[in-house]
Amino acid sequence: MMRAAAIGSLLVALSATAGVAERNLIPTLENQPDVCPDQPPEPEWMQNIDVRESHKRLLIQQIYRAQSMQRIVEAQSCRCSTRYPSWEAAEGVFVEHFAASEYWDIVEATSEYRRRANELRREAIPICEAAGNW
C-alpha cells in the first residue's frame, strides 16, 4: 500500500515536470537568430561541401568567427554589419592560406582560429551586451 502511494506521488511529480518541459521545448523548423536577423548565410558551396571536406568548412567558420570578434573589438561597436558581414573575407583568408593545405594543417589552423575567437570574445561580449546584440 505504501509502495503504491509512493509510485502514485512519483507519477504526479513526473507529470507536472513533463508538462513544464513540454512547454519550454517546442521545436520549430525556422532557424531565425535572436539578434541580427539578416545575418548572411554561408556561401552555398560551403553548405553543400562533401562530408570528406567538412574540416575545411569548419576552418572557414572559425576564421569568420575570429574576424567578427576582431571587428567588434577594434570598432568598439556591435552593429549587425560589423558582427555579421559577408563571408568574402573569411573565404579569402582560406583560399590564400589554406586551400591547398593537408588535413592536419587545417585541423591545427581551425584550433588556432577558435582559440583566437574565444580570446576576443571576452572583450566583445560586453560591447555587444551594451548594444543589445548578444
N, C-alpha and C. Protein backbone atom coordinates (compact mmCIF):
# COMPACT_ATOMS: atom_id res chain seq x y z
N MET A 1 0.82 -1.18 0.00
CA MET A 1 0.00 0.00 0.00
C MET A 1 0.87 1.25 0.00
N MET A 2 1.88 1.26 0.86
CA MET A 2 2.80 2.38 0.96
C MET A 2 3.54 2.57 -0.36
N ARG A 3 3.91 1.45 -0.96
CA ARG A 3 4.64 1.48 -2.22
C ARG A 3 3.76 2.06 -3.33
N ALA A 4 2.52 1.72 -3.39
CA ALA A 4 1.59 2.24 -4.39
C ALA A 4 1.43 3.74 -4.24
N ALA A 5 1.37 4.23 -3.01
CA ALA A 5 1.25 5.67 -2.76
C ALA A 5 2.51 6.40 -3.23
N ALA A 6 3.68 5.80 -2.97
CA ALA A 6 4.93 6.42 -3.39
C ALA A 6 5.02 6.48 -4.91
N ILE A 7 4.62 5.41 -5.56
CA ILE A 7 4.63 5.39 -7.03
C ILE A 7 3.66 6.42 -7.57
N GLY A 8 2.49 6.51 -6.95
CA GLY A 8 1.49 7.50 -7.38
C GLY A 8 2.02 8.91 -7.24
N SER A 9 2.69 9.21 -6.13
CA SER A 9 3.27 10.54 -5.91
C SER A 9 4.35 10.83 -6.95
N LEU A 10 5.15 9.83 -7.24
CA LEU A 10 6.20 9.98 -8.23
C LEU A 10 5.62 10.28 -9.60
N LEU A 11 4.56 9.56 -9.97
CA LEU A 11 3.92 9.79 -11.27
C LEU A 11 3.32 11.19 -11.37
N VAL A 12 2.73 11.66 -10.29
CA VAL A 12 2.17 13.02 -10.28
C VAL A 12 3.29 14.04 -10.46
N ALA A 13 4.39 13.85 -9.74
CA ALA A 13 5.52 14.77 -9.84
C ALA A 13 6.11 14.75 -11.25
N LEU A 14 6.27 13.57 -11.82
CA LEU A 14 6.82 13.46 -13.17
C LEU A 14 5.88 14.08 -14.20
N SER A 15 4.59 13.91 -14.03
CA SER A 15 3.62 14.50 -14.95
C SER A 15 3.69 16.01 -14.92
N ALA A 16 3.81 16.58 -13.74
CA ALA A 16 3.90 18.04 -13.60
C ALA A 16 5.18 18.55 -14.24
N THR A 17 6.28 17.85 -14.01
CA THR A 17 7.55 18.24 -14.59
C THR A 17 7.53 18.11 -16.11
N ALA A 18 6.93 17.05 -16.61
CA ALA A 18 6.87 16.83 -18.05
C ALA A 18 6.07 17.94 -18.72
N GLY A 19 5.01 18.39 -18.09
CA GLY A 19 4.21 19.47 -18.66
C GLY A 19 5.02 20.74 -18.81
N VAL A 20 5.84 21.07 -17.82
CA VAL A 20 6.68 22.26 -17.88
C VAL A 20 7.71 22.10 -18.99
N ALA A 21 8.33 20.95 -19.05
CA ALA A 21 9.36 20.71 -20.06
C ALA A 21 8.78 20.80 -21.46
N GLU A 22 7.59 20.25 -21.66
CA GLU A 22 6.98 20.30 -22.99
C GLU A 22 6.74 21.72 -23.44
N ARG A 23 6.30 22.58 -22.55
CA ARG A 23 6.02 23.96 -22.92
C ARG A 23 7.29 24.71 -23.30
N ASN A 24 8.42 24.33 -22.73
CA ASN A 24 9.67 25.04 -22.99
C ASN A 24 10.46 24.47 -24.16
N LEU A 25 10.11 23.33 -24.65
CA LEU A 25 10.89 22.68 -25.70
C LEU A 25 10.03 22.45 -26.95
N ILE A 26 9.61 23.51 -27.55
CA ILE A 26 8.80 23.40 -28.75
C ILE A 26 9.71 23.56 -29.96
N PRO A 27 9.93 22.48 -30.69
CA PRO A 27 10.83 22.57 -31.84
C PRO A 27 10.16 23.33 -33.00
N THR A 28 10.99 24.04 -33.74
CA THR A 28 10.50 24.73 -34.93
C THR A 28 11.42 24.40 -36.09
N LEU A 29 10.94 24.64 -37.28
CA LEU A 29 11.76 24.42 -38.46
C LEU A 29 12.50 25.69 -38.85
N GLU A 30 12.15 26.81 -38.23
CA GLU A 30 12.80 28.07 -38.54
C GLU A 30 14.14 28.17 -37.83
N ASN A 31 15.10 28.75 -38.50
CA ASN A 31 16.42 28.96 -37.92
C ASN A 31 16.67 30.47 -37.88
N GLN A 32 15.77 31.19 -37.25
CA GLN A 32 15.84 32.65 -37.19
C GLN A 32 16.64 33.07 -35.96
N PRO A 33 17.75 33.80 -36.15
CA PRO A 33 18.55 34.21 -35.00
C PRO A 33 17.80 35.24 -34.13
N ASP A 34 18.16 35.28 -32.84
CA ASP A 34 17.55 36.22 -31.91
C ASP A 34 18.05 37.65 -32.16
N VAL A 35 19.30 37.79 -32.55
CA VAL A 35 19.87 39.11 -32.83
C VAL A 35 20.33 39.14 -34.28
N CYS A 36 20.31 40.31 -34.86
CA CYS A 36 20.74 40.48 -36.25
C CYS A 36 20.10 39.44 -37.16
N PRO A 37 18.80 39.53 -37.34
CA PRO A 37 18.09 38.51 -38.11
C PRO A 37 18.49 38.43 -39.58
N ASP A 38 19.17 39.44 -40.10
CA ASP A 38 19.57 39.43 -41.51
C ASP A 38 21.01 38.97 -41.69
N GLN A 39 21.46 38.03 -40.87
CA GLN A 39 22.81 37.51 -40.99
C GLN A 39 22.98 36.85 -42.35
N PRO A 40 24.11 37.11 -43.00
CA PRO A 40 24.31 36.49 -44.31
C PRO A 40 24.49 34.98 -44.17
N PRO A 41 23.87 34.22 -45.05
CA PRO A 41 24.05 32.77 -44.98
C PRO A 41 25.45 32.38 -45.43
N GLU A 42 25.87 31.22 -45.01
CA GLU A 42 27.14 30.70 -45.52
C GLU A 42 27.04 30.58 -47.03
N PRO A 43 28.16 30.73 -47.72
CA PRO A 43 28.13 30.53 -49.18
C PRO A 43 27.59 29.13 -49.50
N GLU A 44 26.90 29.04 -50.60
CA GLU A 44 26.25 27.78 -50.98
C GLU A 44 27.25 26.63 -51.09
N TRP A 45 28.44 26.90 -51.62
CA TRP A 45 29.41 25.81 -51.77
C TRP A 45 29.79 25.23 -50.40
N MET A 46 29.79 26.08 -49.35
CA MET A 46 30.09 25.59 -48.01
C MET A 46 28.96 24.72 -47.48
N GLN A 47 27.74 25.11 -47.76
CA GLN A 47 26.58 24.34 -47.30
C GLN A 47 26.52 22.98 -47.98
N ASN A 48 27.03 22.90 -49.20
CA ASN A 48 26.97 21.66 -49.98
C ASN A 48 28.29 20.90 -50.03
N ILE A 49 29.22 21.26 -49.16
CA ILE A 49 30.54 20.65 -49.21
C ILE A 49 30.45 19.15 -48.89
N ASP A 50 31.25 18.38 -49.55
CA ASP A 50 31.31 16.94 -49.33
C ASP A 50 31.74 16.66 -47.89
N VAL A 51 31.19 15.64 -47.30
CA VAL A 51 31.49 15.28 -45.91
C VAL A 51 32.99 15.12 -45.69
N ARG A 52 33.68 14.56 -46.67
CA ARG A 52 35.13 14.34 -46.53
C ARG A 52 35.91 15.65 -46.54
N GLU A 53 35.25 16.75 -46.90
CA GLU A 53 35.89 18.05 -46.92
C GLU A 53 35.36 18.98 -45.82
N SER A 54 34.54 18.45 -44.92
CA SER A 54 33.89 19.28 -43.91
C SER A 54 34.86 19.98 -42.97
N HIS A 55 36.06 19.46 -42.82
CA HIS A 55 37.07 20.13 -41.99
C HIS A 55 37.41 21.51 -42.56
N LYS A 56 37.30 21.66 -43.87
CA LYS A 56 37.55 22.96 -44.50
C LYS A 56 36.43 23.95 -44.14
N ARG A 57 35.22 23.45 -44.11
CA ARG A 57 34.08 24.30 -43.74
C ARG A 57 34.24 24.78 -42.29
N LEU A 58 34.65 23.88 -41.40
CA LEU A 58 34.86 24.26 -40.01
C LEU A 58 35.92 25.34 -39.88
N LEU A 59 36.98 25.23 -40.66
CA LEU A 59 38.03 26.25 -40.62
C LEU A 59 37.48 27.60 -41.06
N ILE A 60 36.76 27.64 -42.15
CA ILE A 60 36.21 28.91 -42.64
C ILE A 60 35.26 29.50 -41.60
N GLN A 61 34.46 28.67 -40.96
CA GLN A 61 33.56 29.16 -39.91
C GLN A 61 34.33 29.79 -38.76
N GLN A 62 35.43 29.19 -38.38
CA GLN A 62 36.23 29.73 -37.28
C GLN A 62 36.98 31.00 -37.71
N ILE A 63 37.43 31.05 -38.95
CA ILE A 63 38.04 32.28 -39.46
C ILE A 63 37.02 33.41 -39.40
N TYR A 64 35.81 33.15 -39.87
CA TYR A 64 34.72 34.14 -39.87
C TYR A 64 34.43 34.61 -38.45
N ARG A 65 34.35 33.67 -37.52
CA ARG A 65 34.05 33.99 -36.12
C ARG A 65 35.17 34.85 -35.51
N ALA A 66 36.42 34.49 -35.75
CA ALA A 66 37.55 35.27 -35.22
C ALA A 66 37.56 36.68 -35.83
N GLN A 67 37.31 36.77 -37.14
CA GLN A 67 37.26 38.07 -37.78
C GLN A 67 36.13 38.92 -37.20
N SER A 68 35.00 38.30 -36.94
CA SER A 68 33.85 39.00 -36.37
C SER A 68 34.20 39.58 -35.00
N MET A 69 34.77 38.77 -34.14
CA MET A 69 35.13 39.24 -32.80
C MET A 69 36.18 40.35 -32.88
N GLN A 70 37.14 40.20 -33.82
CA GLN A 70 38.18 41.22 -34.00
C GLN A 70 37.57 42.55 -34.43
N ARG A 71 36.63 42.52 -35.38
CA ARG A 71 35.99 43.76 -35.85
C ARG A 71 35.24 44.45 -34.72
N ILE A 72 34.54 43.68 -33.91
CA ILE A 72 33.77 44.25 -32.79
C ILE A 72 34.72 44.96 -31.83
N VAL A 73 35.80 44.29 -31.47
CA VAL A 73 36.76 44.87 -30.52
C VAL A 73 37.42 46.11 -31.11
N GLU A 74 37.85 46.04 -32.36
CA GLU A 74 38.51 47.19 -32.99
C GLU A 74 37.58 48.38 -33.13
N ALA A 75 36.34 48.13 -33.54
CA ALA A 75 35.38 49.21 -33.77
C ALA A 75 34.70 49.67 -32.48
N GLN A 76 34.83 48.83 -31.42
CA GLN A 76 34.10 49.10 -30.17
C GLN A 76 32.61 49.28 -30.47
N SER A 77 32.14 48.48 -31.42
CA SER A 77 30.75 48.54 -31.86
C SER A 77 30.28 47.14 -32.21
N CYS A 78 29.01 46.89 -31.96
CA CYS A 78 28.45 45.57 -32.26
C CYS A 78 27.27 45.71 -33.21
N ARG A 79 27.38 46.66 -34.13
CA ARG A 79 26.33 46.78 -35.15
C ARG A 79 26.29 45.47 -35.92
N CYS A 80 25.13 45.16 -36.44
CA CYS A 80 24.96 43.90 -37.17
C CYS A 80 25.93 43.81 -38.36
N SER A 81 26.15 44.90 -39.05
CA SER A 81 27.05 44.87 -40.20
C SER A 81 28.50 44.64 -39.77
N THR A 82 28.84 45.02 -38.55
CA THR A 82 30.19 44.77 -38.02
C THR A 82 30.32 43.31 -37.59
N ARG A 83 29.30 42.83 -36.91
CA ARG A 83 29.35 41.47 -36.37
C ARG A 83 29.13 40.41 -37.43
N TYR A 84 28.27 40.69 -38.41
CA TYR A 84 27.92 39.69 -39.43
C TYR A 84 28.04 40.24 -40.85
N PRO A 85 29.25 40.47 -41.32
CA PRO A 85 29.40 40.92 -42.71
C PRO A 85 29.30 39.73 -43.67
N SER A 86 29.56 39.95 -44.92
CA SER A 86 29.56 38.82 -45.86
C SER A 86 30.71 37.87 -45.51
N TRP A 87 30.68 36.73 -46.12
CA TRP A 87 31.68 35.70 -45.86
C TRP A 87 32.94 35.87 -46.71
N GLU A 88 32.98 36.89 -47.55
CA GLU A 88 34.09 37.05 -48.51
C GLU A 88 35.46 37.10 -47.86
N ALA A 89 35.62 37.87 -46.78
CA ALA A 89 36.93 38.00 -46.15
C ALA A 89 37.42 36.66 -45.60
N ALA A 90 36.53 35.91 -44.96
CA ALA A 90 36.92 34.60 -44.42
C ALA A 90 37.27 33.63 -45.54
N GLU A 91 36.48 33.66 -46.61
CA GLU A 91 36.78 32.81 -47.77
C GLU A 91 38.14 33.18 -48.35
N GLY A 92 38.41 34.49 -48.42
CA GLY A 92 39.69 34.96 -48.97
C GLY A 92 40.88 34.45 -48.17
N VAL A 93 40.78 34.51 -46.84
CA VAL A 93 41.86 34.00 -45.99
C VAL A 93 42.05 32.51 -46.23
N PHE A 94 40.95 31.78 -46.31
CA PHE A 94 41.03 30.34 -46.54
C PHE A 94 41.70 30.05 -47.87
N VAL A 95 41.25 30.69 -48.94
CA VAL A 95 41.79 30.43 -50.27
C VAL A 95 43.27 30.79 -50.33
N GLU A 96 43.63 31.92 -49.76
CA GLU A 96 45.01 32.39 -49.82
C GLU A 96 45.97 31.53 -48.99
N HIS A 97 45.52 31.07 -47.82
CA HIS A 97 46.45 30.41 -46.89
C HIS A 97 46.23 28.91 -46.69
N PHE A 98 45.02 28.41 -46.96
CA PHE A 98 44.73 27.03 -46.54
C PHE A 98 44.12 26.13 -47.61
N ALA A 99 43.74 26.65 -48.75
CA ALA A 99 43.02 25.85 -49.75
C ALA A 99 43.80 24.59 -50.16
N ALA A 100 45.11 24.69 -50.21
CA ALA A 100 45.92 23.53 -50.63
C ALA A 100 46.52 22.79 -49.44
N SER A 101 46.10 23.13 -48.24
CA SER A 101 46.69 22.52 -47.04
C SER A 101 46.21 21.09 -46.83
N GLU A 102 47.03 20.35 -46.12
CA GLU A 102 46.70 18.99 -45.74
C GLU A 102 45.71 19.00 -44.57
N TYR A 103 45.05 17.88 -44.37
CA TYR A 103 44.03 17.74 -43.34
C TYR A 103 44.50 18.24 -41.97
N TRP A 104 45.63 17.72 -41.48
CA TRP A 104 46.08 18.06 -40.13
C TRP A 104 46.47 19.53 -40.01
N ASP A 105 46.96 20.13 -41.08
CA ASP A 105 47.26 21.56 -41.06
C ASP A 105 45.97 22.38 -40.90
N ILE A 106 44.91 21.92 -41.54
CA ILE A 106 43.61 22.60 -41.43
C ILE A 106 43.04 22.41 -40.03
N VAL A 107 43.18 21.23 -39.47
CA VAL A 107 42.70 20.98 -38.11
C VAL A 107 43.45 21.88 -37.12
N GLU A 108 44.75 22.00 -37.29
CA GLU A 108 45.55 22.86 -36.42
C GLU A 108 45.15 24.33 -36.57
N ALA A 109 44.96 24.77 -37.79
CA ALA A 109 44.55 26.16 -38.03
C ALA A 109 43.17 26.42 -37.45
N THR A 110 42.27 25.46 -37.57
CA THR A 110 40.93 25.60 -37.00
C THR A 110 41.01 25.81 -35.50
N SER A 111 41.85 25.04 -34.85
CA SER A 111 42.04 25.16 -33.40
C SER A 111 42.59 26.54 -33.05
N GLU A 112 43.53 27.02 -33.82
CA GLU A 112 44.13 28.34 -33.57
C GLU A 112 43.10 29.46 -33.75
N TYR A 113 42.32 29.41 -34.81
CA TYR A 113 41.29 30.43 -35.02
C TYR A 113 40.21 30.37 -33.94
N ARG A 114 39.87 29.17 -33.49
CA ARG A 114 38.89 29.02 -32.41
C ARG A 114 39.43 29.65 -31.13
N ARG A 115 40.70 29.39 -30.82
CA ARG A 115 41.32 29.95 -29.63
C ARG A 115 41.33 31.47 -29.71
N ARG A 116 41.72 32.01 -30.87
CA ARG A 116 41.76 33.45 -31.06
C ARG A 116 40.36 34.07 -30.91
N ALA A 117 39.36 33.44 -31.51
CA ALA A 117 37.99 33.93 -31.41
C ALA A 117 37.51 33.92 -29.96
N ASN A 118 37.84 32.86 -29.23
CA ASN A 118 37.42 32.77 -27.83
C ASN A 118 38.08 33.84 -26.97
N GLU A 119 39.34 34.16 -27.25
CA GLU A 119 40.02 35.23 -26.51
C GLU A 119 39.36 36.58 -26.79
N LEU A 120 39.11 36.86 -28.06
CA LEU A 120 38.48 38.13 -28.44
C LEU A 120 37.03 38.21 -27.96
N ARG A 121 36.40 37.08 -27.87
CA ARG A 121 35.00 37.03 -27.43
C ARG A 121 34.83 37.65 -26.04
N ARG A 122 35.82 37.43 -25.17
CA ARG A 122 35.75 38.01 -23.82
C ARG A 122 35.65 39.53 -23.87
N GLU A 123 36.34 40.15 -24.82
CA GLU A 123 36.28 41.60 -24.98
C GLU A 123 35.03 42.03 -25.75
N ALA A 124 34.57 41.20 -26.65
CA ALA A 124 33.43 41.56 -27.49
C ALA A 124 32.10 41.45 -26.76
N ILE A 125 31.98 40.52 -25.84
CA ILE A 125 30.70 40.31 -25.15
C ILE A 125 30.18 41.58 -24.50
N PRO A 126 30.97 42.30 -23.67
CA PRO A 126 30.42 43.50 -23.03
C PRO A 126 30.00 44.57 -24.05
N ILE A 127 30.71 44.67 -25.15
CA ILE A 127 30.38 45.64 -26.20
C ILE A 127 29.03 45.29 -26.80
N CYS A 128 28.84 44.01 -27.10
CA CYS A 128 27.59 43.57 -27.73
C CYS A 128 26.43 43.58 -26.73
N GLU A 129 26.70 43.23 -25.48
CA GLU A 129 25.62 43.27 -24.49
C GLU A 129 25.12 44.70 -24.31
N ALA A 130 26.04 45.67 -24.31
CA ALA A 130 25.65 47.08 -24.17
C ALA A 130 24.79 47.53 -25.35
N ALA A 131 25.04 46.93 -26.52
CA ALA A 131 24.27 47.28 -27.72
C ALA A 131 23.00 46.45 -27.84
N GLY A 132 22.81 45.48 -26.95
CA GLY A 132 21.63 44.60 -27.03
C GLY A 132 21.75 43.57 -28.12
N ASN A 133 22.96 43.25 -28.52
CA ASN A 133 23.20 42.31 -29.62
C ASN A 133 23.92 41.05 -29.16
N TRP A 134 23.66 40.58 -27.97
CA TRP A 134 24.29 39.33 -27.55
C TRP A 134 23.25 38.37 -27.05
